[in-house]
Amino acid sequence: MNKDQIKGELKIIAGKFEEAVGGIVANPKQQLNGQSKQITGHVQKGIGNIKQAVDDIADDAGSNID
């Protein structure tokens, strides 16, 4: 797991929390901010997943060289 995956997941969690609080206090702007934060988190986590996949492929290719 790399830092982008971790930071992305934390943004998703924070966004869900902010959206829920916005719903409780009936604040649509806060709900939208929470949803936006979740989207940003998903994008960052996706970038981290791609980086991890590239690293895994590079590691596999390096270990197959004789």
PDB file of N, CA and C in Angstrom:
ATOM      1  N   MET A   1       0.854  -1.176   0.000  1.00  0.00           N
ATOM      2  CA  MET A   1       0.000   0.000   0.000  1.00  0.00           C
ATOM      3  C   MET A   1       0.900   1.240   0.000  1.00  0.00           C
ATOM      4  N   ASN A   2       0.577   2.206  -0.854  1.00  0.00           N
ATOM      5  CA  ASN A   2       1.394   3.409  -0.930  1.00  0.00           C
ATOM      6  C   ASN A   2       0.646   4.608  -0.351  1.00  0.00           C
ATOM      7  N   LYS A   3       1.354   5.745  -0.292  1.00  0.00           N
ATOM      8  CA  LYS A   3       0.781   6.909   0.393  1.00  0.00           C
ATOM      9  C   LYS A   3      -0.465   7.442  -0.314  1.00  0.00           C
ATOM     10  N   ASP A   4      -0.539   7.336  -1.642  1.00  0.00           N
ATOM     11  CA  ASP A   4      -1.731   7.816  -2.340  1.00  0.00           C
ATOM     12  C   ASP A   4      -2.949   6.960  -2.008  1.00  0.00           C
ATOM     13  N   GLN A   5      -2.755   5.666  -1.889  1.00  0.00           N
ATOM     14  CA  GLN A   5      -3.859   4.792  -1.507  1.00  0.00           C
ATOM     15  C   GLN A   5      -4.360   5.125  -0.100  1.00  0.00           C
ATOM     16  N   ILE A   6      -3.444   5.352   0.804  1.00  0.00           N
ATOM     17  CA  ILE A   6      -3.819   5.658   2.192  1.00  0.00           C
ATOM     18  C   ILE A   6      -4.501   7.023   2.282  1.00  0.00           C
ATOM     19  N   LYS A   7      -3.887   8.043   1.666  1.00  0.00           N
ATOM     20  CA  LYS A   7      -4.470   9.387   1.713  1.00  0.00           C
ATOM     21  C   LYS A   7      -5.841   9.406   1.038  1.00  0.00           C
ATOM     22  N   GLY A   8      -5.970   8.678  -0.062  1.00  0.00           N
ATOM     23  CA  GLY A   8      -7.256   8.609  -0.746  1.00  0.00           C
ATOM     24  C   GLY A   8      -8.330   8.002   0.133  1.00  0.00           C
ATOM     25  N   GLU A   9      -7.992   6.908   0.792  1.00  0.00           N
ATOM     26  CA  GLU A   9      -8.952   6.251   1.680  1.00  0.00           C
ATOM     27  C   GLU A   9      -9.348   7.165   2.836  1.00  0.00           C
ATOM     28  N   LEU A  10      -8.385   7.900   3.382  1.00  0.00           N
ATOM     29  CA  LEU A  10      -8.700   8.827   4.462  1.00  0.00           C
ATOM     30  C   LEU A  10      -9.629   9.949   3.987  1.00  0.00           C
ATOM     31  N   LYS A  11      -9.428  10.429   2.764  1.00  0.00           N
ATOM     32  CA  LYS A  11     -10.315  11.461   2.213  1.00  0.00           C
ATOM     33  C   LYS A  11     -11.726  10.916   2.006  1.00  0.00           C
ATOM     34  N   ILE A  12     -11.821   9.675   1.579  1.00  0.00           N
ATOM     35  CA  ILE A  12     -13.136   9.053   1.398  1.00  0.00           C
ATOM     36  C   ILE A  12     -13.865   8.995   2.735  1.00  0.00           C
ATOM     37  N   ILE A  13     -13.174   8.537   3.765  1.00  0.00           N
ATOM     38  CA  ILE A  13     -13.777   8.428   5.098  1.00  0.00           C
ATOM     39  C   ILE A  13     -14.193   9.809   5.616  1.00  0.00           C
ATOM     40  N   ALA A  14     -13.302  10.791   5.468  1.00  0.00           N
ATOM     41  CA  ALA A  14     -13.612  12.152   5.931  1.00  0.00           C
ATOM     42  C   ALA A  14     -14.801  12.721   5.158  1.00  0.00           C
ATOM     43  N   GLY A  15     -14.851  12.443   3.874  1.00  0.00           N
ATOM     44  CA  GLY A  15     -15.960  12.930   3.062  1.00  0.00           C
ATOM     45  C   GLY A  15     -17.290  12.310   3.468  1.00  0.00           C
ATOM     46  N   LYS A  16     -17.280  11.011   3.756  1.00  0.00           N
ATOM     47  CA  LYS A  16     -18.508  10.348   4.217  1.00  0.00           C
ATOM     48  C   LYS A  16     -18.985  10.958   5.532  1.00  0.00           C
ATOM     49  N   PHE A  17     -18.029  11.221   6.420  1.00  0.00           N
ATOM     50  CA  PHE A  17     -18.369  11.818   7.704  1.00  0.00           C
ATOM     51  C   PHE A  17     -18.963  13.214   7.505  1.00  0.00           C
ATOM     52  N   GLU A  18     -18.306  14.025   6.665  1.00  0.00           N
ATOM     53  CA  GLU A  18     -18.792  15.387   6.421  1.00  0.00           C
ATOM     54  C   GLU A  18     -20.175  15.375   5.763  1.00  0.00           C
ATOM     55  N   GLU A  19     -20.380  14.454   4.841  1.00  0.00           N
ATOM     56  CA  GLU A  19     -21.688  14.348   4.194  1.00  0.00           C
ATOM     57  C   GLU A  19     -22.764  13.966   5.215  1.00  0.00           C
ATOM     58  N   ALA A  20     -22.443  13.023   6.094  1.00  0.00           N
ATOM     59  CA  ALA A  20     -23.408  12.587   7.110  1.00  0.00           C
ATOM     60  C   ALA A  20     -23.747  13.721   8.073  1.00  0.00           C
ATOM     61  N   VAL A  21     -22.740  14.451   8.505  1.00  0.00           N
ATOM     62  CA  VAL A  21     -22.984  15.578   9.407  1.00  0.00           C
ATOM     63  C   VAL A  21     -23.841  16.635   8.708  1.00  0.00           C
ATOM     64  N   GLY A  22     -23.547  16.878   7.446  1.00  0.00           N
ATOM     65  CA  GLY A  22     -24.349  17.828   6.676  1.00  0.00           C
ATOM     66  C   GLY A  22     -25.807  17.409   6.598  1.00  0.00           C
ATOM     67  N   GLY A  23     -26.039  16.105   6.501  1.00  0.00           N
ATOM     68  CA  GLY A  23     -27.409  15.609   6.494  1.00  0.00           C
ATOM     69  C   GLY A  23     -28.087  15.775   7.832  1.00  0.00           C
ATOM     70  N   ILE A  24     -27.339  15.542   8.887  1.00  0.00           N
ATOM     71  CA  ILE A  24     -27.902  15.660  10.238  1.00  0.00           C
ATOM     72  C   ILE A  24     -28.293  17.104  10.545  1.00  0.00           C
ATOM     73  N   VAL A  25     -27.437  18.039  10.165  1.00  0.00           N
ATOM     74  CA  VAL A  25     -27.711  19.446  10.472  1.00  0.00           C
ATOM     75  C   VAL A  25     -28.444  20.157   9.327  1.00  0.00           C
ATOM     76  N   ALA A  26     -28.859  19.394   8.335  1.00  0.00           N
ATOM     77  CA  ALA A  26     -29.614  19.918   7.179  1.00  0.00           C
ATOM     78  C   ALA A  26     -28.849  21.037   6.471  1.00  0.00           C
ATOM     79  N   ASN A  27     -27.582  20.757   6.144  1.00  0.00           N
ATOM     80  CA  ASN A  27     -26.737  21.718   5.456  1.00  0.00           C
ATOM     81  C   ASN A  27     -26.318  21.111   4.110  1.00  0.00           C
ATOM     82  N   PRO A  28     -27.043  21.436   3.036  1.00  0.00           N
ATOM     83  CA  PRO A  28     -26.733  20.838   1.729  1.00  0.00           C
ATOM     84  C   PRO A  28     -25.329  21.172   1.223  1.00  0.00           C
ATOM     85  N   LYS A  29     -24.828  22.357   1.558  1.00  0.00           N
ATOM     86  CA  LYS A  29     -23.478  22.724   1.114  1.00  0.00           C
ATOM     87  C   LYS A  29     -22.440  21.795   1.751  1.00  0.00           C
ATOM     88  N   GLN A  30     -22.619  21.500   3.017  1.00  0.00           N
ATOM     89  CA  GLN A  30     -21.696  20.599   3.698  1.00  0.00           C
ATOM     90  C   GLN A  30     -21.801  19.188   3.120  1.00  0.00           C
ATOM     91  N   GLN A  31     -23.004  18.766   2.762  1.00  0.00           N
ATOM     92  CA  GLN A  31     -23.174  17.465   2.147  1.00  0.00           C
ATOM     93  C   GLN A  31     -22.435  17.392   0.810  1.00  0.00           C
ATOM     94  N   LEU A  32     -22.565  18.444   0.010  1.00  0.00           N
ATOM     95  CA  LEU A  32     -21.871  18.489  -1.279  1.00  0.00           C
ATOM     96  C   LEU A  32     -20.360  18.512  -1.101  1.00  0.00           C
ATOM     97  N   ASN A  33     -19.892  19.254  -0.110  1.00  0.00           N
ATOM     98  CA  ASN A  33     -18.454  19.265   0.175  1.00  0.00           C
ATOM     99  C   ASN A  33     -17.966  17.860   0.539  1.00  0.00           C
ATOM    100  N   GLY A  34     -18.755  17.150   1.309  1.00  0.00           N
ATOM    101  CA  GLY A  34     -18.404  15.775   1.670  1.00  0.00           C
ATOM    102  C   GLY A  34     -18.366  14.863   0.468  1.00  0.00           C
ATOM    103  N   GLN A  35     -19.337  15.021  -0.427  1.00  0.00           N
ATOM    104  CA  GLN A  35     -19.353  14.208  -1.642  1.00  0.00           C
ATOM    105  C   GLN A  35     -18.155  14.525  -2.525  1.00  0.00           C
ATOM    106  N   SER A  36     -17.826  15.804  -2.615  1.00  0.00           N
ATOM    107  CA  SER A  36     -16.669  16.225  -3.399  1.00  0.00           C
ATOM    108  C   SER A  36     -15.377  15.627  -2.829  1.00  0.00           C
ATOM    109  N   LYS A  37     -15.265  15.634  -1.516  1.00  0.00           N
ATOM    110  CA  LYS A  37     -14.088  15.075  -0.858  1.00  0.00           C
ATOM    111  C   LYS A  37     -13.986  13.569  -1.136  1.00  0.00           C
ATOM    112  N   GLN A  38     -15.133  12.895  -1.172  1.00  0.00           N
ATOM    113  CA  GLN A  38     -15.129  11.465  -1.467  1.00  0.00           C
ATOM    114  C   GLN A  38     -14.649  11.199  -2.888  1.00  0.00           C
ATOM    115  N   ILE A  39     -15.105  12.007  -3.830  1.00  0.00           N
ATOM    116  CA  ILE A  39     -14.684  11.845  -5.221  1.00  0.00           C
ATOM    117  C   ILE A  39     -13.179  12.057  -5.339  1.00  0.00           C
ATOM    118  N   THR A  40     -12.694  13.105  -4.694  1.00  0.00           N
ATOM    119  CA  THR A  40     -11.250  13.377  -4.706  1.00  0.00           C
ATOM    120  C   THR A  40     -10.479  12.197  -4.110  1.00  0.00           C
ATOM    121  N   GLY A  41     -11.001  11.642  -3.038  1.00  0.00           N
ATOM    122  CA  GLY A  41     -10.365  10.488  -2.409  1.00  0.00           C
ATOM    123  C   GLY A  41     -10.338   9.274  -3.321  1.00  0.00           C
ATOM    124  N   HIS A  42     -11.434   9.033  -4.031  1.00  0.00           N
ATOM    125  CA  HIS A  42     -11.475   7.896  -4.957  1.00  0.00           C
ATOM    126  C   HIS A  42     -10.460   8.070  -6.080  1.00  0.00           C
ATOM    127  N   VAL A  43     -10.340   9.298  -6.578  1.00  0.00           N
ATOM    128  CA  VAL A  43      -9.361   9.568  -7.641  1.00  0.00           C
ATOM    129  C   VAL A  43      -7.946   9.334  -7.117  1.00  0.00           C
ATOM    130  N   GLN A  44      -7.638   9.875  -5.946  1.00  0.00           N
ATOM    131  CA  GLN A  44      -6.296   9.711  -5.391  1.00  0.00           C
ATOM    132  C   GLN A  44      -5.998   8.239  -5.103  1.00  0.00           C
ATOM    133  N   LYS A  45      -6.974   7.523  -4.589  1.00  0.00           N
ATOM    134  CA  LYS A  45      -6.777   6.102  -4.319  1.00  0.00           C
ATOM    135  C   LYS A  45      -6.561   5.338  -5.619  1.00  0.00           C
ATOM    136  N   GLY A  46      -7.287   5.719  -6.672  1.00  0.00           N
ATOM    137  CA  GLY A  46      -7.105   5.087  -7.979  1.00  0.00           C
ATOM    138  C   GLY A  46      -5.713   5.314  -8.533  1.00  0.00           C
ATOM    139  N   ILE A  47      -5.208   6.524  -8.373  1.00  0.00           N
ATOM    140  CA  ILE A  47      -3.838   6.823  -8.800  1.00  0.00           C
ATOM    141  C   ILE A  47      -2.851   5.958  -8.015  1.00  0.00           C
ATOM    142  N   GLY A  48      -3.093   5.832  -6.734  1.00  0.00           N
ATOM    143  CA  GLY A  48      -2.239   4.969  -5.910  1.00  0.00           C
ATOM    144  C   GLY A  48      -2.297   3.521  -6.358  1.00  0.00           C
ATOM    145  N   ASN A  49      -3.484   3.061  -6.738  1.00  0.00           N
ATOM    146  CA  ASN A  49      -3.627   1.691  -7.225  1.00  0.00           C
ATOM    147  C   ASN A  49      -2.826   1.479  -8.511  1.00  0.00           C
ATOM    148  N   ILE A  50      -2.862   2.475  -9.399  1.00  0.00           N
ATOM    149  CA  ILE A  50      -2.105   2.384 -10.649  1.00  0.00           C
ATOM    150  C   ILE A  50      -0.606   2.353 -10.356  1.00  0.00           C
ATOM    151  N   LYS A  51      -0.161   3.233  -9.470  1.00  0.00           N
ATOM    152  CA  LYS A  51       1.260   3.242  -9.097  1.00  0.00           C
ATOM    153  C   LYS A  51       1.676   1.894  -8.515  1.00  0.00           C
ATOM    154  N   GLN A  52       0.829   1.334  -7.672  1.00  0.00           N
ATOM    155  CA  GLN A  52       1.130   0.035  -7.060  1.00  0.00           C
ATOM    156  C   GLN A  52       1.216  -1.052  -8.114  1.00  0.00           C
ATOM    157  N   ALA A  53       0.298  -1.039  -9.073  1.00  0.00           N
ATOM    158  CA  ALA A  53       0.304  -2.044 -10.139  1.00  0.00           C
ATOM    159  C   ALA A  53       1.578  -1.934 -10.979  1.00  0.00           C
ATOM    160  N   VAL A  54       1.984  -0.702 -11.299  1.00  0.00           N
ATOM    161  CA  VAL A  54       3.212  -0.497 -12.072  1.00  0.00           C
ATOM    162  C   VAL A  54       4.417  -1.004 -11.280  1.00  0.00           C
ATOM    163  N   ASP A  55       4.472  -0.698  -9.998  1.00  0.00           N
ATOM    164  CA  ASP A  55       5.575  -1.181  -9.160  1.00  0.00           C
ATOM    165  C   ASP A  55       5.596  -2.706  -9.110  1.00  0.00           C
ATOM    166  N   ASP A  56       4.412  -3.314  -8.989  1.00  0.00           N
ATOM    167  CA  ASP A  56       4.336  -4.777  -8.939  1.00  0.00           C
ATOM    168  C   ASP A  56       4.819  -5.394 -10.247  1.00  0.00           C
ATOM    169  N   ILE A  57       4.432  -4.806 -11.361  1.00  0.00           N
ATOM    170  CA  ILE A  57       4.870  -5.305 -12.673  1.00  0.00           C
ATOM    171  C   ILE A  57       6.380  -5.160 -12.812  1.00  0.00           C
ATOM    172  N   ALA A  58       6.912  -4.015 -12.387  1.00  0.00           N
ATOM    173  CA  ALA A  58       8.358  -3.800 -12.461  1.00  0.00           C
ATOM    174  C   ALA A  58       9.097  -4.787 -11.573  1.00  0.00           C
ATOM    175  N   ASP A  59       8.574  -5.057 -10.393  1.00  0.00           N
ATOM    176  CA  ASP A  59       9.200  -6.039  -9.502  1.00  0.00           C
ATOM    177  C   ASP A  59       9.180  -7.422 -10.113  1.00  0.00           C
ATOM    178  N   ASP A  60       8.054  -7.813 -10.706  1.00  0.00           N
ATOM    179  CA  ASP A  60       7.947  -9.113 -11.353  1.00  0.00           C
ATOM    180  C   ASP A  60       8.899  -9.230 -12.537  1.00  0.00           C
ATOM    181  N   ALA A  61       8.993  -8.174 -13.329  1.00  0.00           N
ATOM    182  CA  ALA A  61       9.882  -8.202 -14.492  1.00  0.00           C
ATOM    183  C   ALA A  61      11.341  -8.288 -14.043  1.00  0.00           C
ATOM    184  N   GLY A  62      11.683  -7.589 -12.981  1.00  0.00           N
ATOM    185  CA  GLY A  62      13.048  -7.633 -12.482  1.00  0.00           C
ATOM    186  C   GLY A  62      13.435  -8.979 -11.911  1.00  0.00           C
ATOM    187  N   SER A  63      12.475  -9.671 -11.309  1.00  0.00           N
ATOM    188  CA  SER A  63      12.779 -10.963 -10.710  1.00  0.00           C
ATOM    189  C   SER A  63      12.824 -12.086 -11.749  1.00  0.00           C
ATOM    190  N   ASN A  64      12.286 -11.827 -12.945  1.00  0.00           N
ATOM    191  CA  ASN A  64      12.282 -12.845 -13.997  1.00  0.00           C
ATOM    192  C   ASN A  64      13.507 -12.774 -14.901  1.00  0.00           C
ATOM    193  N   ILE A  65      14.339 -11.772 -14.686  1.00  0.00           N
ATOM    194  CA  ILE A  65      15.544 -11.630 -15.505  1.00  0.00           C
ATOM    195  C   ILE A  65      16.628 -12.544 -14.931  1.00  0.00           C
ATOM    196  N   ASP A  66      17.150 -13.395 -15.768  1.00  0.00           N
ATOM    197  CA  ASP A  66      18.207 -14.327 -15.319  1.00  0.00           C
ATOM    198  C   ASP A  66      19.526 -13.983 -15.943  1.00  0.00           C
TER     199      ASP A  66
END
